[in-house]
Amino acid sequence: MSMPRLVKAPISICFSEASQDKEVYEREYQQLSESDEDPISQWLKLAKAKGDTRETDPILLELVVELHRKIDSLEMFLKNEVPQRVSLINESEIESIGFEYFKMESEVLEEGKSLLWSHRDAYLSKT
């Protein structure tokens, strides 16, 4: 098999073995999935389903929705609100990345183990 093309990209990564506290991580994943549906998005979906947005300019509507999200984000920042996340145990540096691969600075991963990993508030699962 040929070596995949990797590009230098210094990125910090946090990770934990998926089998440790699996239920806690799954519960957090469900909460994060539900939080993707903010109130304005739910209203927009419902309004579109009812047909209430037919007479509205779709670009203007999307701009207003995005503005609302930005205001919510700014409000969280001003109130110093930080979402509580389950902490991940291990930390390392990624040296380079490719399309489906990445290379760590040190050999900290074990083959065949499922991991939960994070970069910048986004939790991902990788087997």
C-alpha atoms as a PDB file:
ATOM      1  CA  MET A   1       0.000   0.000   0.000  1.00  0.00           C
ATOM      2  CA  SER A   2       1.348   3.432  -0.885  1.00  0.00           C
ATOM      3  CA  MET A   3       1.932   6.040   1.799  1.00  0.00           C
ATOM      4  CA  PRO A   4      -0.854   8.668   1.847  1.00  0.00           C
ATOM      5  CA  ARG A   5       0.063  12.269   1.126  1.00  0.00           C
ATOM      6  CA  LEU A   6       0.236  14.220   4.378  1.00  0.00           C
ATOM      7  CA  VAL A   7       0.515  17.972   4.828  1.00  0.00           C
ATOM      8  CA  LYS A   8       2.189  19.583   7.832  1.00  0.00           C
ATOM      9  CA  ALA A   9      -0.464  20.946  10.149  1.00  0.00           C
ATOM     10  CA  PRO A  10       0.388  21.526  13.802  1.00  0.00           C
ATOM     11  CA  ILE A  11      -2.879  20.875  15.631  1.00  0.00           C
ATOM     12  CA  SER A  12      -3.498  20.078  19.298  1.00  0.00           C
ATOM     13  CA  ILE A  13      -5.815  17.172  20.001  1.00  0.00           C
ATOM     14  CA  CYS A  14      -7.431  15.786  23.150  1.00  0.00           C
ATOM     15  CA  PHE A  15      -8.686  12.209  23.275  1.00  0.00           C
ATOM     16  CA  SER A  16      -9.913   9.400  25.515  1.00  0.00           C
ATOM     17  CA  GLU A  17     -10.570   5.732  24.980  1.00  0.00           C
ATOM     18  CA  ALA A  18     -14.238   5.332  24.041  1.00  0.00           C
ATOM     19  CA  SER A  19     -14.814   2.382  26.369  1.00  0.00           C
ATOM     20  CA  GLN A  20     -14.098   4.570  29.425  1.00  0.00           C
ATOM     21  CA  ASP A  21     -17.261   6.345  30.620  1.00  0.00           C
ATOM     22  CA  LYS A  22     -19.039   5.451  27.371  1.00  0.00           C
ATOM     23  CA  GLU A  23     -22.494   6.346  28.735  1.00  0.00           C
ATOM     24  CA  VAL A  24     -21.318   9.817  29.807  1.00  0.00           C
ATOM     25  CA  TYR A  25     -19.879  10.533  26.355  1.00  0.00           C
ATOM     26  CA  GLU A  26     -23.026   9.231  24.614  1.00  0.00           C
ATOM     27  CA  ARG A  27     -25.238  11.416  26.809  1.00  0.00           C
ATOM     28  CA  GLU A  28     -23.100  14.471  25.985  1.00  0.00           C
ATOM     29  CA  TYR A  29     -23.252  13.602  22.265  1.00  0.00           C
ATOM     30  CA  GLN A  30     -27.062  13.492  22.438  1.00  0.00           C
ATOM     31  CA  GLN A  31     -27.150  16.838  24.260  1.00  0.00           C
ATOM     32  CA  LEU A  32     -24.852  18.425  21.678  1.00  0.00           C
ATOM     33  CA  SER A  33     -26.984  17.024  18.842  1.00  0.00           C
ATOM     34  CA  GLU A  34     -30.098  18.516  20.378  1.00  0.00           C
ATOM     35  CA  SER A  35     -28.411  21.873  20.962  1.00  0.00           C
ATOM     36  CA  ASP A  36     -27.781  22.185  17.217  1.00  0.00           C
ATOM     37  CA  GLU A  37     -31.464  22.963  17.005  1.00  0.00           C
ATOM     38  CA  ASP A  38     -31.596  26.416  18.536  1.00  0.00           C
ATOM     39  CA  PRO A  39     -35.019  28.070  18.970  1.00  0.00           C
ATOM     40  CA  ILE A  40     -34.685  30.232  15.848  1.00  0.00           C
ATOM     41  CA  SER A  41     -33.866  27.164  13.702  1.00  0.00           C
ATOM     42  CA  GLN A  42     -36.855  25.320  15.105  1.00  0.00           C
ATOM     43  CA  TRP A  43     -39.103  28.288  14.367  1.00  0.00           C
ATOM     44  CA  LEU A  44     -37.728  28.565  10.813  1.00  0.00           C
ATOM     45  CA  LYS A  45     -38.325  24.863  10.103  1.00  0.00           C
ATOM     46  CA  LEU A  46     -41.870  25.083  11.440  1.00  0.00           C
ATOM     47  CA  ALA A  47     -42.598  28.266   9.465  1.00  0.00           C
ATOM     48  CA  LYS A  48     -41.257  26.694   6.263  1.00  0.00           C
ATOM     49  CA  ALA A  49     -43.314  23.546   6.856  1.00  0.00           C
ATOM     50  CA  LYS A  50     -46.481  25.627   7.315  1.00  0.00           C
ATOM     51  CA  GLY A  51     -45.698  27.660   4.229  1.00  0.00           C
ATOM     52  CA  ASP A  52     -45.500  30.915   6.173  1.00  0.00           C
ATOM     53  CA  THR A  53     -42.245  31.872   4.436  1.00  0.00           C
ATOM     54  CA  ARG A  54     -43.553  31.721   0.842  1.00  0.00           C
ATOM     55  CA  GLU A  55     -43.985  35.483   0.609  1.00  0.00           C
ATOM     56  CA  THR A  56     -40.630  36.206   2.286  1.00  0.00           C
ATOM     57  CA  ASP A  57     -37.332  36.794   0.532  1.00  0.00           C
ATOM     58  CA  PRO A  58     -35.294  33.629   1.412  1.00  0.00           C
ATOM     59  CA  ILE A  59     -31.957  35.475   1.460  1.00  0.00           C
ATOM     60  CA  LEU A  60     -33.251  38.150   3.793  1.00  0.00           C
ATOM     61  CA  LEU A  61     -34.804  35.494   6.028  1.00  0.00           C
ATOM     62  CA  GLU A  62     -31.498  33.574   6.266  1.00  0.00           C
ATOM     63  CA  LEU A  63     -29.632  36.807   7.061  1.00  0.00           C
ATOM     64  CA  VAL A  64     -32.039  37.622   9.897  1.00  0.00           C
ATOM     65  CA  VAL A  65     -31.704  34.086  11.285  1.00  0.00           C
ATOM     66  CA  GLU A  66     -27.882  34.288  11.156  1.00  0.00           C
ATOM     67  CA  LEU A  67     -27.981  37.702  12.819  1.00  0.00           C
ATOM     68  CA  HIS A  68     -30.120  36.220  15.598  1.00  0.00           C
ATOM     69  CA  ARG A  69     -27.567  33.401  16.083  1.00  0.00           C
ATOM     70  CA  LYS A  70     -24.710  35.918  16.235  1.00  0.00           C
ATOM     71  CA  ILE A  71     -26.560  37.943  18.867  1.00  0.00           C
ATOM     72  CA  ASP A  72     -27.108  34.766  20.917  1.00  0.00           C
ATOM     73  CA  SER A  73     -23.403  33.959  20.625  1.00  0.00           C
ATOM     74  CA  LEU A  74     -22.425  37.486  21.639  1.00  0.00           C
ATOM     75  CA  GLU A  75     -24.795  37.316  24.593  1.00  0.00           C
ATOM     76  CA  MET A  76     -23.138  34.073  25.772  1.00  0.00           C
ATOM     77  CA  PHE A  77     -19.713  35.722  25.436  1.00  0.00           C
ATOM     78  CA  LEU A  78     -20.760  38.816  27.390  1.00  0.00           C
ATOM     79  CA  LYS A  79     -22.259  36.698  30.156  1.00  0.00           C
ATOM     80  CA  ASN A  80     -19.063  34.624  30.194  1.00  0.00           C
ATOM     81  CA  GLU A  81     -21.111  31.453  29.661  1.00  0.00           C
ATOM     82  CA  VAL A  82     -19.030  28.456  28.643  1.00  0.00           C
ATOM     83  CA  PRO A  83     -20.714  25.166  27.753  1.00  0.00           C
ATOM     84  CA  GLN A  84     -19.808  22.363  30.159  1.00  0.00           C
ATOM     85  CA  ARG A  85     -18.069  19.492  28.368  1.00  0.00           C
ATOM     86  CA  VAL A  86     -16.873  16.104  29.546  1.00  0.00           C
ATOM     87  CA  SER A  87     -13.112  16.344  29.842  1.00  0.00           C
ATOM     88  CA  LEU A  88     -10.942  14.090  27.716  1.00  0.00           C
ATOM     89  CA  ILE A  89      -7.977  12.437  29.438  1.00  0.00           C
ATOM     90  CA  ASN A  90      -5.083  12.460  26.935  1.00  0.00           C
ATOM     91  CA  GLU A  91      -3.530  15.305  24.981  1.00  0.00           C
ATOM     92  CA  SER A  92      -1.111  15.248  22.062  1.00  0.00           C
ATOM     93  CA  GLU A  93      -0.062  17.094  18.920  1.00  0.00           C
ATOM     94  CA  ILE A  94      -0.893  16.180  15.326  1.00  0.00           C
ATOM     95  CA  GLU A  95       2.136  16.679  13.097  1.00  0.00           C
ATOM     96  CA  SER A  96       0.505  16.316   9.674  1.00  0.00           C
ATOM     97  CA  ILE A  97      -2.857  15.427   8.133  1.00  0.00           C
ATOM     98  CA  GLY A  98      -4.202  13.899   4.938  1.00  0.00           C
ATOM     99  CA  PHE A  99      -7.620  13.073   3.522  1.00  0.00           C
ATOM    100  CA  GLU A 100      -8.299  10.070   5.799  1.00  0.00           C
ATOM    101  CA  TYR A 101      -5.110   9.981   7.869  1.00  0.00           C
ATOM    102  CA  PHE A 102      -3.151  11.985  10.372  1.00  0.00           C
ATOM    103  CA  LYS A 103       0.269  11.531  11.935  1.00  0.00           C
ATOM    104  CA  MET A 104       0.845  12.171  15.633  1.00  0.00           C
ATOM    105  CA  GLU A 105       4.121  13.575  16.946  1.00  0.00           C
ATOM    106  CA  SER A 106       4.472  10.544  19.236  1.00  0.00           C
ATOM    107  CA  GLU A 107       3.104   6.979  19.164  1.00  0.00           C
ATOM    108  CA  VAL A 108       0.279   7.362  21.703  1.00  0.00           C
ATOM    109  CA  LEU A 109      -2.541   5.567  19.878  1.00  0.00           C
ATOM    110  CA  GLU A 110      -3.157   1.818  19.993  1.00  0.00           C
ATOM    111  CA  GLU A 111      -4.447  -0.045  16.947  1.00  0.00           C
ATOM    112  CA  GLY A 112      -7.999  -1.376  17.265  1.00  0.00           C
ATOM    113  CA  LYS A 113      -9.093   0.981  20.071  1.00  0.00           C
ATOM    114  CA  SER A 114     -12.019   3.339  19.628  1.00  0.00           C
ATOM    115  CA  LEU A 115     -11.342   6.940  20.579  1.00  0.00           C
ATOM    116  CA  LEU A 116     -13.317  10.047  21.323  1.00  0.00           C
ATOM    117  CA  TRP A 117     -11.351  13.100  20.283  1.00  0.00           C
ATOM    118  CA  SER A 118     -11.781  16.818  20.228  1.00  0.00           C
ATOM    119  CA  HIS A 119     -10.365  19.882  18.545  1.00  0.00           C
ATOM    120  CA  ARG A 120     -11.951  23.211  19.421  1.00  0.00           C
ATOM    121  CA  ASP A 121     -15.218  22.226  21.145  1.00  0.00           C
ATOM    122  CA  ALA A 122     -16.139  19.634  18.511  1.00  0.00           C
ATOM    123  CA  TYR A 123     -16.289  16.046  19.697  1.00  0.00           C
ATOM    124  CA  LEU A 124     -15.863  13.338  17.124  1.00  0.00           C
ATOM    125  CA  SER A 125     -15.809   9.579  17.375  1.00  0.00           C
ATOM    126  CA  LYS A 126     -13.226   7.592  15.444  1.00  0.00           C
ATOM    127  CA  THR A 127     -12.686   3.836  15.465  1.00  0.00           C
END
